[in-house]
């Protein structure tokens, strides 16, 4: 190694306990997840990845998030301090990793053996901790070895081309998103980029990194044997080389080393539809996992559906309890019934059903925050023997055909990117004779195209249906429709009640989630109020049955 280059293990001293204790604050897990917007999950799913290794786990953000998405994740890092924090973070979230251990990249093959994983990720600018060219080649050779043929490698790094050529700038929107923290270089030359990390407490730490150019990293990957190297800039492609903070490089270990064949994507022909559904699911999850959660918990409470109002000055909570009663009347579940509650929110209706009927309920949702609080509320209510919670996307339910006696949902289908597919999944998982009972917000067919465009833009939805649309689809899919009930007069009172409560507690919510978000939320709620009053937005309940064979 040239004398003016730092040793490749410099990072071990830099990641001391004090710095590692601040690392999660620097990252900002929520901001980082929002910036990445599910990029890695979509990429790994597209190629059928099941088992993956995160070779630069840090404090475990990607390892834990991907494990919670269902991947089998082995987490490792060269810094023992980072691995210890990964274990603490996984334990705090109740996340199960396959393993979490301290491993140097050069030792990957010795520790894990050959052809062990479907994918390998090396994220967070970690590869730039290496200063020696031959050490980089050796590290990538070890990464190549532990991948199965057809395996996927994802390596990302800062856009050092832009830093070296144009000076440092950042959107501060992706990797270091913690509030009040800052990261900027204090030394930049072609062999060293020394970053200083500053925290609100006044504490500062530094990392010394090698500024790897994009073309050079692609060359290293190809030199190691990886094929079809594709670059993304800030998780998008194409991208302008000077206009992104981070670059993600993706390559494949060939299925056939001699022919250099890479694997094909899963379901490549239907990829555009899958991408659209994935995006809609992600956006919905991010909305319910975001600041909206603060408002829903404190104003709606544990029940976050529409209410049916009968009395003057009635609270929404009382009106929602009546809605639960009305929907459950339509279900008439039995003690031995298996019920699937889709889009369950915090599980209030699932608990209501188990109390009323003694039935077992599987409550599903795509919001981890809502699921977490739902589990807590259910345990506190002593109903966790009857109600359990799972993550599931209603477009593609992970359950066997003919598994449930009843499928129910309240005001969730409006978020569906393909409502017909959601209803088809309901038909598939219901037993013969099983009931589908759901309610949903509607856009009236009498609404003009201008009304529709305004509503969809306002509430960030791709489509809404009216009652005739649901009745037609149910019949075409094979359901026997038993009834539909129009409850539209309750739309405006529900959203008006929530809006009034938000404005009454304005000062409190301004402090908690910010004035701008409170304003946007109040405007959105008023939009629903006006839509209900003007007859453009409705609400209805439907009951349909899956026929029994003759």
Protein backbone atom coordinates (compact mmCIF):
# COMPACT_ATOMS: atom_id res chain seq x y z
CA UNK A 1 0.00 0.00 0.00
CA UNK A 2 1.42 3.48 -0.85
CA UNK A 3 2.61 5.35 2.22
CA UNK A 4 0.10 8.16 1.77
CA UNK A 5 -2.92 5.83 1.90
CA UNK A 6 -4.64 4.97 5.17
CA UNK A 7 -4.90 1.37 6.43
CA UNK A 8 -8.09 -0.40 5.38
CA UNK A 9 -9.06 -1.06 9.02
CA UNK A 10 -9.05 2.64 9.97
CA UNK A 11 -12.83 2.50 10.37
CA UNK A 12 -12.58 0.19 13.38
CA UNK A 13 -11.08 2.96 15.49
CA UNK A 14 -13.43 5.60 14.06
CA UNK A 15 -16.58 3.64 14.91
CA UNK A 16 -16.02 3.97 18.65
CA UNK A 17 -18.83 3.46 21.16
CA UNK A 18 -19.61 7.18 21.37
CA UNK A 19 -20.02 7.52 17.59
CA UNK A 20 -22.02 4.31 17.26
CA UNK A 21 -24.37 5.47 20.03
CA UNK A 22 -25.19 8.49 17.80
CA UNK A 23 -25.43 6.58 14.53
CA UNK A 24 -29.17 5.95 14.55
CA UNK A 25 -29.73 9.62 15.32
CA UNK A 26 -27.60 10.47 12.30
CA UNK A 27 -29.43 8.08 9.97
CA UNK A 28 -32.97 8.99 10.98
CA UNK A 29 -34.70 5.65 10.29
CA UNK A 30 -38.04 7.13 9.23
CA UNK A 31 -36.46 9.69 6.93
CA UNK A 32 -34.16 7.11 5.43
CA UNK A 33 -37.03 4.73 4.75
CA UNK A 34 -39.00 7.55 3.11
CA UNK A 35 -36.03 8.54 0.95
CA UNK A 36 -35.37 5.00 -0.26
CA UNK A 37 -39.09 4.45 -0.83
CA UNK A 38 -38.86 0.66 -0.86
CA UNK A 39 -36.18 0.51 -3.58
CA UNK A 40 -34.25 -2.40 -2.10
CA UNK A 41 -37.36 -4.40 -1.21
CA UNK A 42 -38.71 -4.10 -4.77
CA UNK A 43 -35.37 -4.97 -6.33
CA UNK A 44 -34.84 -8.07 -4.19
CA UNK A 45 -38.41 -9.26 -4.67
CA UNK A 46 -38.13 -8.82 -8.44
CA UNK A 47 -35.43 -11.50 -8.54
CA UNK A 48 -36.97 -13.90 -6.07
CA UNK A 49 -34.44 -13.30 -3.31
CA UNK A 50 -35.08 -15.19 -0.08
CA UNK A 51 -31.75 -15.40 1.79
CA UNK A 52 -29.46 -12.38 1.78
CA UNK A 53 -26.39 -11.12 3.58
CA UNK A 54 -25.90 -7.50 4.61
CA UNK A 55 -22.11 -7.18 4.79
CA UNK A 56 -22.06 -3.61 6.10
CA UNK A 57 -24.97 -3.76 8.52
CA UNK A 58 -23.98 -0.75 10.62
CA UNK A 59 -26.59 -0.44 13.33
CA UNK A 60 -28.95 -2.70 11.39
CA UNK A 61 -31.31 -0.41 9.51
CA UNK A 62 -31.40 -2.36 6.24
CA UNK A 63 -30.99 -5.77 7.88
CA UNK A 64 -33.94 -5.16 10.18
CA UNK A 65 -36.22 -3.51 7.62
CA UNK A 66 -35.62 -6.30 5.11
CA UNK A 67 -36.09 -9.01 7.75
CA UNK A 68 -39.42 -7.40 8.63
CA UNK A 69 -40.34 -7.64 4.92
CA UNK A 70 -39.87 -11.42 5.10
CA UNK A 71 -36.31 -11.88 3.83
CA UNK A 72 -33.95 -14.21 5.69
CA UNK A 73 -31.18 -11.78 6.63
CA UNK A 74 -27.69 -12.45 7.90
CA UNK A 75 -26.18 -9.22 9.22
CA UNK A 76 -22.47 -8.65 9.59
CA UNK A 77 -20.06 -5.76 9.94
CA UNK A 78 -16.34 -5.34 10.50
CA UNK A 79 -16.91 -3.15 13.55
CA UNK A 80 -17.98 -5.08 16.65
CA UNK A 81 -19.53 -1.89 18.07
CA UNK A 82 -21.90 -1.73 15.10
CA UNK A 83 -22.87 -5.39 15.38
CA UNK A 84 -23.66 -4.95 19.09
CA UNK A 85 -25.99 -2.05 18.24
CA UNK A 86 -27.61 -4.07 15.45
CA UNK A 87 -28.47 -6.77 17.97
CA UNK A 88 -29.92 -4.20 20.37
CA UNK A 89 -32.02 -2.58 17.63
CA UNK A 90 -33.32 -5.94 16.41
CA UNK A 91 -34.25 -6.98 19.95
CA UNK A 92 -36.02 -3.66 20.58
CA UNK A 93 -38.19 -4.14 17.46
CA UNK A 94 -38.73 -7.85 18.02
CA UNK A 95 -37.09 -8.63 14.68
CA UNK A 96 -35.49 -12.02 14.07
CA UNK A 97 -32.24 -12.04 12.09
CA UNK A 98 -30.65 -15.26 10.86
CA UNK A 99 -27.39 -14.08 12.44
CA UNK A 100 -25.58 -10.90 13.46
CA UNK A 101 -21.82 -11.19 13.76
CA UNK A 102 -18.53 -9.37 13.28
CA UNK A 103 -16.95 -10.46 9.99
CA UNK A 104 -14.28 -8.83 7.85
CA UNK A 105 -15.18 -8.82 4.15
CA UNK A 106 -11.99 -10.69 3.31
CA UNK A 107 -13.18 -13.55 5.55
CA UNK A 108 -16.70 -13.92 4.11
CA UNK A 109 -16.00 -17.12 2.21
CA UNK A 110 -14.15 -18.67 5.15
CA UNK A 111 -17.02 -17.88 7.53
CA UNK A 112 -20.06 -18.61 5.33
CA UNK A 113 -18.79 -20.91 2.60
CA UNK A 114 -19.48 -20.76 -1.11
CA UNK A 115 -22.83 -20.14 -2.85
CA UNK A 116 -24.71 -19.47 0.37
CA UNK A 117 -26.90 -16.42 -0.40
CA UNK A 118 -29.36 -15.21 -3.06
CA UNK A 119 -28.23 -11.61 -2.65
CA UNK A 120 -25.53 -9.53 -0.99
CA UNK A 121 -25.91 -5.87 -0.07
CA UNK A 122 -23.11 -3.49 0.86
CA UNK A 123 -24.81 -0.18 1.58
CA UNK A 124 -24.32 3.13 3.34
CA UNK A 125 -21.12 4.19 1.52
CA UNK A 126 -19.33 1.35 3.35
CA UNK A 127 -17.17 0.15 0.45
CA UNK A 128 -15.30 3.47 0.47
CA UNK A 129 -13.71 2.52 3.80
CA UNK A 130 -11.18 0.52 1.76
CA UNK A 131 -8.09 2.41 0.57
CA UNK A 132 -6.09 -0.28 -1.22
CA UNK A 133 -6.99 -1.38 -4.75
CA UNK A 134 -6.00 -5.01 -4.28
CA UNK A 135 -7.90 -5.22 -0.99
CA UNK A 136 -11.02 -4.03 -2.82
CA UNK A 137 -10.54 -6.76 -5.42
CA UNK A 138 -10.10 -9.37 -2.70
CA UNK A 139 -13.22 -8.16 -0.86
CA UNK A 140 -15.37 -8.36 -4.02
CA UNK A 141 -13.95 -11.81 -4.78
CA UNK A 142 -15.10 -12.96 -1.34
CA UNK A 143 -18.54 -11.39 -1.91
CA UNK A 144 -18.78 -13.13 -5.28
CA UNK A 145 -17.90 -16.46 -3.69
CA UNK A 146 -20.69 -16.44 -1.07
CA UNK A 147 -23.37 -15.72 -3.68
CA UNK A 148 -25.27 -18.46 -5.45
CA UNK A 149 -25.12 -18.53 -9.27
CA UNK A 150 -27.60 -15.89 -10.40
CA UNK A 151 -27.15 -14.03 -7.11
CA UNK A 152 -27.58 -10.28 -6.89
CA UNK A 153 -25.05 -7.78 -5.50
CA UNK A 154 -26.02 -4.23 -4.53
CA UNK A 155 -23.28 -1.78 -3.62
CA UNK A 156 -23.82 1.92 -3.06
CA UNK A 157 -21.57 4.89 -2.43
CA UNK A 158 -21.57 8.64 -2.38
CA UNK A 159 -21.42 10.50 -5.67
CA UNK A 160 -17.71 11.24 -5.33
CA UNK A 161 -17.51 12.27 -8.99
CA UNK A 162 -19.64 15.29 -8.17
CA UNK A 163 -17.77 16.02 -4.92
CA UNK A 164 -14.35 15.91 -6.62
CA UNK A 165 -15.36 17.78 -9.76
CA UNK A 166 -17.92 20.30 -8.50
CA UNK A 167 -17.55 20.53 -4.72
CA UNK A 168 -19.82 19.11 -2.03
CA UNK A 169 -23.57 19.64 -1.95
CA UNK A 170 -26.37 17.47 -0.63
CA UNK A 171 -30.15 17.17 -0.65
CA UNK A 172 -29.94 15.68 2.87
CA UNK A 173 -32.84 13.47 1.86
CA UNK A 174 -31.50 9.93 1.77
CA UNK A 175 -28.84 8.47 4.03
CA UNK A 176 -28.34 10.97 6.84
CA UNK A 177 -31.79 12.36 7.55
CA UNK A 178 -31.79 12.76 11.34
CA UNK A 179 -33.13 16.06 12.62
CA UNK A 180 -30.49 18.63 13.45
CA UNK A 181 -27.57 16.48 12.29
CA UNK A 182 -25.16 17.35 9.52
CA UNK A 183 -22.50 15.56 7.50
CA UNK A 184 -19.98 17.39 5.30
CA UNK A 185 -16.39 16.86 4.13
CA UNK A 186 -13.59 18.83 5.81
CA UNK A 187 -10.87 17.38 3.56
CA UNK A 188 -11.33 16.44 -0.09
CA UNK A 189 -8.66 15.23 -2.48
CA UNK A 190 -8.39 12.33 -4.91
CA UNK A 191 -7.17 9.91 -2.20
CA UNK A 192 -9.12 11.06 0.85
CA UNK A 193 -12.54 12.42 1.69
CA UNK A 194 -12.74 13.09 5.41
CA UNK A 195 -16.31 13.66 6.59
CA UNK A 196 -17.30 15.37 9.82
CA UNK A 197 -20.62 14.46 11.44
CA UNK A 198 -22.16 17.07 13.72
CA UNK A 199 -24.98 16.48 16.19
CA UNK A 200 -27.38 18.89 17.96
CA UNK A 201 -25.57 18.21 21.25
CA UNK A 202 -22.43 19.73 19.78
CA UNK A 203 -20.74 16.34 19.56
CA UNK A 204 -18.68 15.72 16.40
CA UNK A 205 -17.14 12.61 14.85
CA UNK A 206 -15.19 11.96 11.66
CA UNK A 207 -14.80 9.21 9.07
CA UNK A 208 -11.98 8.98 6.55
CA UNK A 209 -13.09 7.55 3.21
CA UNK A 210 -11.64 6.92 -0.23
CA UNK A 211 -13.52 8.85 -2.97
CA UNK A 212 -14.35 6.08 -5.42
CA UNK A 213 -15.53 7.23 -8.83
CA UNK A 214 -18.58 5.57 -10.42
CA UNK A 215 -16.79 4.08 -13.44
CA UNK A 216 -14.08 2.64 -11.21
CA UNK A 217 -16.62 0.86 -8.98
CA UNK A 218 -18.32 -0.60 -12.07
CA UNK A 219 -14.93 -1.80 -13.30
CA UNK A 220 -14.20 -3.47 -9.94
CA UNK A 221 -17.54 -5.31 -10.05
CA UNK A 222 -16.92 -6.52 -13.59
CA UNK A 223 -13.34 -7.46 -12.70
CA UNK A 224 -14.72 -9.65 -9.89
CA UNK A 225 -16.91 -11.50 -12.40
CA UNK A 226 -20.26 -9.73 -11.94
CA UNK A 227 -22.27 -9.09 -15.10
CA UNK A 228 -24.89 -6.60 -16.30
CA UNK A 229 -23.84 -3.79 -13.96
CA UNK A 230 -26.64 -1.25 -13.69
CA UNK A 231 -26.40 2.09 -11.89
CA UNK A 232 -29.11 4.06 -10.14
CA UNK A 233 -28.83 7.60 -8.83
CA UNK A 234 -30.72 8.23 -5.58
CA UNK A 235 -32.75 5.07 -6.38
CA UNK A 236 -33.82 6.26 -9.85
CA UNK A 237 -32.70 5.68 -13.41
CA UNK A 238 -31.87 7.29 -15.68
CA UNK A 239 -30.21 10.00 -13.62
CA UNK A 240 -27.97 13.02 -14.14
CA UNK A 241 -24.49 12.14 -12.97
CA UNK A 242 -23.88 15.42 -11.15
CA UNK A 243 -27.35 15.73 -9.65
CA UNK A 244 -27.53 12.83 -7.18
CA UNK A 245 -26.15 12.30 -3.67
CA UNK A 246 -25.68 8.52 -3.82
CA UNK A 247 -25.15 5.92 -6.54
CA UNK A 248 -26.45 2.36 -6.31
CA UNK A 249 -24.63 -0.22 -8.45
CA UNK A 250 -26.38 -3.54 -9.10
CA UNK A 251 -24.79 -6.61 -10.64
CA UNK A 252 -25.29 -10.37 -10.92
CA UNK A 253 -23.18 -13.46 -10.42
CA UNK A 254 -23.69 -15.31 -13.71
CA UNK A 255 -25.86 -18.39 -13.83
CA UNK A 256 -23.20 -19.74 -16.18
CA UNK A 257 -19.74 -18.25 -15.62
CA UNK A 258 -18.60 -19.18 -19.13
CA UNK A 259 -21.62 -17.71 -20.90
CA UNK A 260 -22.05 -14.80 -18.52
CA UNK A 261 -25.79 -15.33 -18.21
CA UNK A 262 -27.70 -13.26 -15.66
CA UNK A 263 -31.06 -14.29 -14.15
CA UNK A 264 -34.35 -12.97 -15.40
CA UNK A 265 -36.73 -10.98 -13.28
CA UNK A 266 -39.69 -12.79 -11.76
CA UNK A 267 -42.93 -12.25 -13.72
CA UNK A 268 -41.13 -9.94 -16.12
CA UNK A 269 -44.09 -9.69 -18.47
CA UNK A 270 -46.37 -8.30 -15.79
CA UNK A 271 -43.75 -6.08 -14.25
CA UNK A 272 -45.36 -2.72 -15.01
CA UNK A 273 -48.55 -3.71 -13.21
CA UNK A 274 -46.56 -5.12 -10.28
CA UNK A 275 -44.57 -1.90 -10.06
CA UNK A 276 -47.75 0.16 -9.95
CA UNK A 277 -49.27 -1.98 -7.20
CA UNK A 278 -46.02 -1.95 -5.21
CA UNK A 279 -45.88 1.82 -5.46
CA UNK A 280 -49.48 2.23 -4.30
CA UNK A 281 -48.96 -0.17 -1.40
CA UNK A 282 -45.77 1.66 -0.40
CA UNK A 283 -47.39 5.11 -0.57
CA UNK A 284 -50.36 3.94 1.49
CA UNK A 285 -48.08 2.33 4.08
CA UNK A 286 -45.91 5.44 4.32
CA UNK A 287 -48.98 7.61 4.83
CA UNK A 288 -50.37 5.49 7.67
CA UNK A 289 -46.92 4.93 9.20
CA UNK A 290 -46.15 8.65 9.05
CA UNK A 291 -47.46 11.68 10.88
CA UNK A 292 -51.05 10.64 10.14
CA UNK A 293 -50.57 8.02 12.85
CA UNK A 294 -50.37 10.80 15.44
CA UNK A 295 -53.76 12.18 14.39
CA UNK A 296 -55.47 8.83 14.03
CA UNK A 297 -54.41 7.60 17.46
CA UNK A 298 -55.31 10.77 19.34
CA UNK A 299 -58.49 11.88 17.56
CA UNK A 300 -60.02 8.79 15.97
CA UNK A 301 -58.71 6.57 18.74
CA UNK A 302 -58.25 2.83 18.33
CA UNK A 303 -61.15 2.65 15.85
CA UNK A 304 -60.34 4.53 12.63
CA UNK A 305 -63.40 4.01 10.46
CA UNK A 306 -66.46 6.07 9.56
CA UNK A 307 -69.26 6.44 12.06
CA UNK A 308 -73.03 6.17 11.65
CA UNK A 309 -74.54 9.12 13.49
CA UNK A 310 -78.02 9.09 15.02
CA UNK A 311 -77.94 11.59 17.91
CA UNK A 312 -77.22 15.33 18.02
CA UNK A 313 -73.73 16.22 19.27
CA UNK A 314 -72.76 12.56 19.22
CA UNK A 315 -69.06 11.72 19.37
CA UNK A 316 -67.38 9.92 16.50
CA UNK A 317 -66.37 7.15 18.90
CA UNK A 318 -70.02 6.40 19.67
CA UNK A 319 -70.91 6.57 15.97
CA UNK A 320 -68.06 4.18 15.08
CA UNK A 321 -69.22 1.69 17.70
CA UNK A 322 -72.61 1.75 15.98
CA UNK A 323 -70.89 1.14 12.61
CA UNK A 324 -69.14 -1.90 14.05
CA UNK A 325 -72.49 -3.17 15.28
CA UNK A 326 -74.12 -2.68 11.88
CA UNK A 327 -71.31 -4.36 9.92
CA UNK A 328 -71.17 -7.27 12.36
CA UNK A 329 -74.95 -7.69 12.06
CA UNK A 330 -74.40 -8.23 8.33
CA UNK A 331 -71.72 -10.85 9.07
CA UNK A 332 -73.46 -12.91 11.75
CA UNK A 333 -70.28 -14.87 12.42
CA UNK A 334 -70.24 -18.04 14.51
CA UNK A 335 -67.95 -19.09 17.35
CA UNK A 336 -66.12 -21.59 15.15
CA UNK A 337 -65.70 -19.20 12.24
CA UNK A 338 -62.30 -18.09 10.95
CA UNK A 339 -62.55 -14.40 10.01
CA UNK A 340 -60.08 -12.40 7.91
CA UNK A 341 -60.12 -8.64 8.64
CA UNK A 342 -58.26 -6.81 5.84
CA UNK A 343 -56.98 -3.26 6.36
CA UNK A 344 -57.63 -3.71 10.06
CA UNK A 345 -56.22 -0.40 11.35
CA UNK A 346 -55.52 -0.81 15.06
CA UNK A 347 -57.73 -3.90 15.23
CA UNK A 348 -60.78 -2.38 16.94
CA UNK A 349 -63.26 -4.20 14.71
CA UNK A 350 -61.36 -7.48 15.06
CA UNK A 351 -61.60 -7.17 18.84
CA UNK A 352 -65.29 -6.25 18.54
CA UNK A 353 -65.98 -9.39 16.51
CA UNK A 354 -64.11 -11.69 18.87
CA UNK A 355 -66.00 -10.26 21.87
CA UNK A 356 -69.39 -10.47 20.18
CA UNK A 357 -69.12 -13.83 18.45
CA UNK A 358 -66.20 -15.58 20.12
CA UNK A 359 -64.74 -16.15 16.65
CA UNK A 360 -61.07 -16.21 15.73
CA UNK A 361 -59.92 -13.21 13.69
CA UNK A 362 -56.78 -12.78 11.61
CA UNK A 363 -56.29 -9.00 11.33
CA UNK A 364 -54.07 -7.83 8.47
CA UNK A 365 -52.60 -4.51 7.45
CA UNK A 366 -49.65 -2.97 5.59
CA UNK A 367 -48.88 -0.41 8.31
CA UNK A 368 -46.37 -1.77 10.79
CA UNK A 369 -47.15 1.01 13.26
CA UNK A 370 -50.84 0.19 13.26
CA UNK A 371 -50.14 -3.52 13.59
CA UNK A 372 -47.79 -2.91 16.51
CA UNK A 373 -50.32 -0.85 18.47
CA UNK A 374 -53.09 -3.26 17.50
CA UNK A 375 -51.17 -6.15 19.06
CA UNK A 376 -50.58 -4.13 22.22
CA UNK A 377 -54.24 -3.11 22.55
CA UNK A 378 -55.37 -6.69 21.93
CA UNK A 379 -53.03 -8.10 24.54
CA UNK A 380 -54.19 -5.49 27.06
CA UNK A 381 -57.79 -6.45 26.30
CA UNK A 382 -57.00 -10.11 26.94
CA UNK A 383 -58.07 -11.10 23.43
CA UNK A 384 -54.74 -12.18 21.96
CA UNK A 385 -55.90 -15.80 22.10
CA UNK A 386 -58.64 -14.97 19.56
CA UNK A 387 -57.14 -12.11 17.52
CA UNK A 388 -53.75 -12.16 15.86
CA UNK A 389 -52.11 -9.64 13.55
CA UNK A 390 -50.09 -10.11 10.36
CA UNK A 391 -48.70 -7.95 7.58
CA UNK A 392 -50.48 -8.70 4.29
CA UNK A 393 -51.20 -6.91 1.03
CA UNK A 394 -54.78 -7.50 -0.05
CA UNK A 395 -53.72 -7.59 -3.72
CA UNK A 396 -51.79 -10.80 -3.08
CA UNK A 397 -52.79 -12.52 0.16
CA UNK A 398 -50.32 -15.10 1.53
CA UNK A 399 -53.10 -17.54 2.49
CA UNK A 400 -54.32 -20.80 1.03
CA UNK A 401 -57.52 -21.03 -0.98
CA UNK A 402 -60.72 -21.69 0.98
CA UNK A 403 -59.20 -20.75 4.36
CA UNK A 404 -61.79 -18.37 5.85
CA UNK A 405 -65.48 -18.40 6.68
CA UNK A 406 -65.72 -14.63 6.45
CA UNK A 407 -63.69 -11.83 4.85
CA UNK A 408 -64.35 -8.28 6.08
CA UNK A 409 -62.93 -4.83 5.49
CA UNK A 410 -63.92 -1.28 6.33
CA UNK A 411 -62.92 1.66 4.09
CA UNK A 412 -59.72 0.04 2.83
CA UNK A 413 -60.53 -0.90 -0.77
CA UNK A 414 -60.38 2.73 -1.92
CA UNK A 415 -56.58 2.41 -1.55
CA UNK A 416 -56.43 -0.58 -3.90
CA UNK A 417 -54.56 -0.19 -7.16
CA UNK A 418 -56.58 -3.07 -8.65
CA UNK A 419 -59.92 -3.48 -6.90
CA UNK A 420 -60.97 -6.38 -9.08
CA UNK A 421 -57.83 -8.27 -8.06
CA UNK A 422 -58.57 -7.55 -4.39
CA UNK A 423 -62.09 -8.95 -4.78
CA UNK A 424 -60.74 -11.96 -6.67
CA UNK A 425 -58.35 -12.64 -3.77
CA UNK A 426 -61.31 -12.43 -1.38
CA UNK A 427 -63.16 -15.02 -3.47
CA UNK A 428 -60.10 -17.29 -3.52
CA UNK A 429 -59.47 -17.36 0.24
CA UNK A 430 -63.14 -17.76 1.22
CA UNK A 431 -64.56 -21.20 1.82
CA UNK A 432 -67.56 -22.22 -0.29
CA UNK A 433 -70.55 -20.53 1.34
CA UNK A 434 -68.26 -17.96 2.98
CA UNK A 435 -69.29 -14.31 3.29
CA UNK A 436 -67.60 -11.16 2.02
CA UNK A 437 -68.77 -8.17 4.09
CA UNK A 438 -67.16 -4.80 3.47
CA UNK A 439 -67.78 -1.08 3.43
CA UNK A 440 -65.99 1.50 1.33
CA UNK A 441 -65.90 5.15 0.41
CA UNK A 442 -67.25 5.76 -3.10
CA UNK A 443 -66.99 8.32 -5.83
CA UNK A 444 -70.37 8.76 -7.41
CA UNK A 445 -70.63 7.95 -11.11
CA UNK A 446 -72.41 11.28 -11.53
CA UNK A 447 -69.18 13.10 -10.61
CA UNK A 448 -67.64 14.91 -13.59
CA UNK A 449 -64.19 14.06 -14.94
CA UNK A 450 -62.99 17.33 -13.40
CA UNK A 451 -64.43 16.28 -10.02
CA UNK A 452 -62.68 12.92 -10.30
CA UNK A 453 -59.33 14.41 -11.20
CA UNK A 454 -59.58 16.86 -8.32
CA UNK A 455 -60.59 14.15 -5.83
CA UNK A 456 -57.88 11.71 -6.92
CA UNK A 457 -55.20 14.39 -6.82
CA UNK A 458 -56.40 15.68 -3.47
CA UNK A 459 -56.43 12.32 -1.71
CA UNK A 460 -53.55 10.71 -3.70
CA UNK A 461 -55.65 7.81 -5.00
CA UNK A 462 -55.60 6.23 -8.44
CA UNK A 463 -59.26 5.25 -8.61
CA UNK A 464 -62.48 4.96 -6.63
CA UNK A 465 -65.64 3.03 -7.46
CA UNK A 466 -69.36 3.59 -7.03
CA UNK A 467 -71.93 1.00 -5.91
CA UNK A 468 -72.76 -0.24 -9.45
CA UNK A 469 -69.03 -0.84 -10.09
CA UNK A 470 -68.73 -3.06 -7.03
CA UNK A 471 -71.96 -4.93 -7.78
CA UNK A 472 -70.86 -5.64 -11.35
CA UNK A 473 -67.39 -6.86 -10.36
CA UNK A 474 -68.75 -9.06 -7.56
CA UNK A 475 -71.18 -10.75 -9.94
CA UNK A 476 -68.56 -11.26 -12.66
CA UNK A 477 -66.17 -12.85 -10.17
CA UNK A 478 -68.78 -15.40 -9.13
CA UNK A 479 -70.13 -13.91 -5.89
CA UNK A 480 -73.83 -14.01 -5.07
CA UNK A 481 -74.63 -10.48 -3.92
CA UNK A 482 -77.02 -10.52 -0.96
CA UNK A 483 -77.36 -6.83 -0.19
CA UNK A 484 -75.85 -3.36 -0.39
CA UNK A 485 -76.71 -0.49 1.94
CA UNK A 486 -76.05 3.18 1.34
CA UNK A 487 -74.69 5.03 4.39
CA UNK A 488 -73.51 8.16 2.55
CA UNK A 489 -75.18 10.64 4.88
CA UNK A 490 -72.45 9.88 7.43
CA UNK A 491 -69.45 10.93 5.30
CA UNK A 492 -69.59 14.64 6.00
CA UNK A 493 -70.35 14.33 9.76
CA UNK A 494 -67.45 11.91 10.26
CA UNK A 495 -64.79 14.08 8.64
CA UNK A 496 -66.27 17.29 10.03
CA UNK A 497 -66.00 15.87 13.57
CA UNK A 498 -62.36 14.90 13.08
CA UNK A 499 -61.50 18.29 11.56
CA UNK A 500 -63.13 20.19 14.41
CA UNK A 501 -61.16 18.16 16.96
CA UNK A 502 -57.91 18.78 15.08
CA UNK A 503 -58.50 22.53 15.00
CA UNK A 504 -59.53 22.64 18.66
CA UNK A 505 -56.19 21.04 19.55
CA UNK A 506 -54.29 23.01 16.93
CA UNK A 507 -51.51 24.28 19.19
CA UNK A 508 -50.77 20.76 20.42
CA UNK A 509 -50.57 19.25 16.94
CA UNK A 510 -48.59 22.19 15.53
CA UNK A 511 -45.93 21.33 18.10
CA UNK A 512 -46.06 17.59 17.45
CA UNK A 513 -46.24 17.30 13.66
CA UNK A 514 -45.72 20.85 12.37
CA UNK A 515 -47.97 23.68 11.25
CA UNK A 516 -47.70 22.84 7.55
CA UNK A 517 -48.88 19.25 8.02
CA UNK A 518 -51.75 20.33 10.28
CA UNK A 519 -52.86 22.79 7.58
CA UNK A 520 -52.70 20.14 4.86
CA UNK A 521 -54.59 17.64 7.00
CA UNK A 522 -57.32 20.14 7.86
CA UNK A 523 -57.72 21.01 4.17
CA UNK A 524 -57.90 17.34 3.20
CA UNK A 525 -60.54 16.66 5.85
CA UNK A 526 -62.58 19.65 4.64
CA UNK A 527 -62.35 18.24 1.13
CA UNK A 528 -64.04 15.01 2.30
CA UNK A 529 -66.67 17.06 4.14
CA UNK A 530 -67.52 19.05 1.02
CA UNK A 531 -67.50 15.94 -1.17
CA UNK A 532 -69.97 14.24 1.16
CA UNK A 533 -72.27 17.27 1.37
CA UNK A 534 -72.25 17.74 -2.41
CA UNK A 535 -73.06 14.10 -3.09
CA UNK A 536 -69.80 13.45 -4.92
CA UNK A 537 -68.41 11.08 -2.28
CA UNK A 538 -70.51 8.30 -0.79
CA UNK A 539 -70.23 5.35 1.57
CA UNK A 540 -71.85 1.93 1.28
CA UNK A 541 -71.74 -1.57 2.76
CA UNK A 542 -71.87 -4.78 0.73
CA UNK A 543 -72.61 -8.41 1.51
CA UNK A 544 -71.79 -11.19 -0.97
CA UNK A 545 -71.42 -14.93 -0.65
CA UNK A 546 -69.15 -17.43 -2.39
CA UNK A 547 -71.48 -20.10 -3.78
CA UNK A 548 -71.35 -23.67 -2.55
CA UNK A 549 -70.94 -26.37 -5.20
CA UNK A 550 -74.18 -27.98 -6.38
